[in-house]
Amino acid sequence: MKKLETYTGGEYSEEQLLSDLRQRVAFEKITSYEEYKGLVDEIVEEKRAFGFFHPDENLEKIKSDLDSRWGEIKEQLERHKEKLPEP
């Protein structure tokens, strides 16, 4: 698992970003890839603004890597939806 550098010396991995993303996707009820890509941009920008990335970090690569995980997240959402009881 690749660790990302930070200004403060701490580390923030892609898996941690993905975990944050999963939570926000569920909370915001994201259902399309376009909405997901917007959320990826938003979360990466939030983390950048708070200093979670080194100034030389390739944020476009990070976004691309997270974008590519949409299928996995969508599948998890669909499985979760199947387990919910009918209203």
C-alpha atoms as a PDB file:
ATOM      1  CA  MET A   1       0.000   0.000   0.000  1.00  0.00           C
ATOM      2  CA  LYS A   2       1.489   3.319  -1.084  1.00  0.00           C
ATOM      3  CA  LYS A   3       1.809   5.997   1.601  1.00  0.00           C
ATOM      4  CA  LEU A   4       1.416   9.649   0.665  1.00  0.00           C
ATOM      5  CA  GLU A   5       3.695  12.298   2.118  1.00  0.00           C
ATOM      6  CA  THR A   6       2.350  15.178   4.192  1.00  0.00           C
ATOM      7  CA  TYR A   7       3.533  18.546   5.420  1.00  0.00           C
ATOM      8  CA  THR A   8       3.300  17.450   9.050  1.00  0.00           C
ATOM      9  CA  GLY A   9       5.294  14.265   8.691  1.00  0.00           C
ATOM     10  CA  GLY A  10       2.236  12.044   9.061  1.00  0.00           C
ATOM     11  CA  GLU A  11       1.109   9.738   6.321  1.00  0.00           C
ATOM     12  CA  TYR A  12      -2.172   9.435   4.488  1.00  0.00           C
ATOM     13  CA  SER A  13      -2.572   6.352   2.299  1.00  0.00           C
ATOM     14  CA  GLU A  14      -4.697   5.837  -0.766  1.00  0.00           C
ATOM     15  CA  GLU A  15      -6.688   3.281   1.249  1.00  0.00           C
ATOM     16  CA  GLN A  16      -7.490   5.967   3.837  1.00  0.00           C
ATOM     17  CA  LEU A  17      -8.640   8.269   1.049  1.00  0.00           C
ATOM     18  CA  LEU A  18     -10.742   5.436  -0.346  1.00  0.00           C
ATOM     19  CA  SER A  19     -12.292   4.816   3.063  1.00  0.00           C
ATOM     20  CA  ASP A  20     -13.222   8.501   3.350  1.00  0.00           C
ATOM     21  CA  LEU A  21     -14.623   8.343  -0.160  1.00  0.00           C
ATOM     22  CA  ARG A  22     -16.768   5.269   0.589  1.00  0.00           C
ATOM     23  CA  GLN A  23     -18.278   6.978   3.618  1.00  0.00           C
ATOM     24  CA  ARG A  24     -19.063  10.160   1.699  1.00  0.00           C
ATOM     25  CA  VAL A  25     -20.487   8.254  -1.281  1.00  0.00           C
ATOM     26  CA  ALA A  26     -22.932   6.480   1.048  1.00  0.00           C
ATOM     27  CA  PHE A  27     -23.748   9.625   3.040  1.00  0.00           C
ATOM     28  CA  GLU A  28     -24.297  11.792  -0.047  1.00  0.00           C
ATOM     29  CA  LYS A  29     -26.114   8.977  -1.900  1.00  0.00           C
ATOM     30  CA  ILE A  30     -23.844   9.186  -4.942  1.00  0.00           C
ATOM     31  CA  THR A  31     -25.252   7.078  -7.784  1.00  0.00           C
ATOM     32  CA  SER A  32     -23.329   8.074 -10.918  1.00  0.00           C
ATOM     33  CA  TYR A  33     -19.734   8.100 -12.034  1.00  0.00           C
ATOM     34  CA  GLU A  34     -19.924  11.840 -12.745  1.00  0.00           C
ATOM     35  CA  GLU A  35     -21.035  12.553  -9.161  1.00  0.00           C
ATOM     36  CA  TYR A  36     -18.313  10.226  -7.891  1.00  0.00           C
ATOM     37  CA  LYS A  37     -15.593  12.009  -9.906  1.00  0.00           C
ATOM     38  CA  GLY A  38     -16.775  15.335  -8.488  1.00  0.00           C
ATOM     39  CA  LEU A  39     -16.552  13.921  -4.981  1.00  0.00           C
ATOM     40  CA  VAL A  40     -13.043  12.576  -5.642  1.00  0.00           C
ATOM     41  CA  ASP A  41     -11.971  16.074  -6.737  1.00  0.00           C
ATOM     42  CA  GLU A  42     -13.594  17.597  -3.658  1.00  0.00           C
ATOM     43  CA  ILE A  43     -11.988  15.188  -1.179  1.00  0.00           C
ATOM     44  CA  VAL A  44      -8.518  15.445  -2.729  1.00  0.00           C
ATOM     45  CA  GLU A  45      -8.783  19.245  -2.688  1.00  0.00           C
ATOM     46  CA  GLU A  46      -9.915  19.202   0.965  1.00  0.00           C
ATOM     47  CA  LYS A  47      -6.956  17.005   1.931  1.00  0.00           C
ATOM     48  CA  ARG A  48      -4.577  19.213  -0.081  1.00  0.00           C
ATOM     49  CA  ALA A  49      -5.905  22.352   1.599  1.00  0.00           C
ATOM     50  CA  PHE A  50      -5.320  20.817   5.036  1.00  0.00           C
ATOM     51  CA  GLY A  51      -1.756  19.826   4.164  1.00  0.00           C
ATOM     52  CA  PHE A  52      -2.157  16.080   3.764  1.00  0.00           C
ATOM     53  CA  PHE A  53      -0.077  16.052   0.575  1.00  0.00           C
ATOM     54  CA  HIS A  54       3.477  17.075  -0.144  1.00  0.00           C
ATOM     55  CA  PRO A  55       3.630  20.058  -2.557  1.00  0.00           C
ATOM     56  CA  ASP A  56       5.228  17.812  -5.206  1.00  0.00           C
ATOM     57  CA  GLU A  57       2.589  15.067  -4.861  1.00  0.00           C
ATOM     58  CA  ASN A  58       0.983  14.129  -8.178  1.00  0.00           C
ATOM     59  CA  LEU A  59      -2.655  14.895  -7.322  1.00  0.00           C
ATOM     60  CA  GLU A  60      -3.884  14.065 -10.828  1.00  0.00           C
ATOM     61  CA  LYS A  61      -2.476  10.539 -10.448  1.00  0.00           C
ATOM     62  CA  ILE A  62      -4.120  10.183  -7.051  1.00  0.00           C
ATOM     63  CA  LYS A  63      -7.458  11.330  -8.506  1.00  0.00           C
ATOM     64  CA  SER A  64      -7.077   8.953 -11.437  1.00  0.00           C
ATOM     65  CA  ASP A  65      -6.329   6.041  -9.102  1.00  0.00           C
ATOM     66  CA  LEU A  66      -9.396   6.844  -6.997  1.00  0.00           C
ATOM     67  CA  ASP A  67     -11.563   7.364 -10.101  1.00  0.00           C
ATOM     68  CA  SER A  68     -10.636   3.867 -11.241  1.00  0.00           C
ATOM     69  CA  ARG A  69     -12.145   2.407  -8.039  1.00  0.00           C
ATOM     70  CA  TRP A  70     -15.718   3.509  -8.934  1.00  0.00           C
ATOM     71  CA  GLY A  71     -16.729  -0.003 -10.060  1.00  0.00           C
ATOM     72  CA  GLU A  72     -15.655  -1.467  -6.726  1.00  0.00           C
ATOM     73  CA  ILE A  73     -17.485   1.194  -4.714  1.00  0.00           C
ATOM     74  CA  LYS A  74     -20.603   0.943  -6.856  1.00  0.00           C
ATOM     75  CA  GLU A  75     -20.663  -2.834  -6.364  1.00  0.00           C
ATOM     76  CA  GLN A  76     -20.370  -2.428  -2.588  1.00  0.00           C
ATOM     77  CA  LEU A  77     -23.231   0.075  -2.592  1.00  0.00           C
ATOM     78  CA  GLU A  78     -25.423  -2.313  -4.573  1.00  0.00           C
ATOM     79  CA  ARG A  79     -24.642  -5.206  -2.189  1.00  0.00           C
ATOM     80  CA  HIS A  80     -25.440  -2.988   0.790  1.00  0.00           C
ATOM     81  CA  LYS A  81     -28.706  -1.873  -0.816  1.00  0.00           C
ATOM     82  CA  GLU A  82     -29.741  -5.534  -1.306  1.00  0.00           C
ATOM     83  CA  LYS A  83     -29.289  -6.190   2.414  1.00  0.00           C
ATOM     84  CA  LEU A  84     -31.521  -3.315   3.521  1.00  0.00           C
ATOM     85  CA  PRO A  85     -35.058  -4.268   4.598  1.00  0.00           C
ATOM     86  CA  GLU A  86     -37.974  -3.081   2.476  1.00  0.00           C
ATOM     87  CA  PRO A  87     -39.709   0.014   3.895  1.00  0.00           C
END
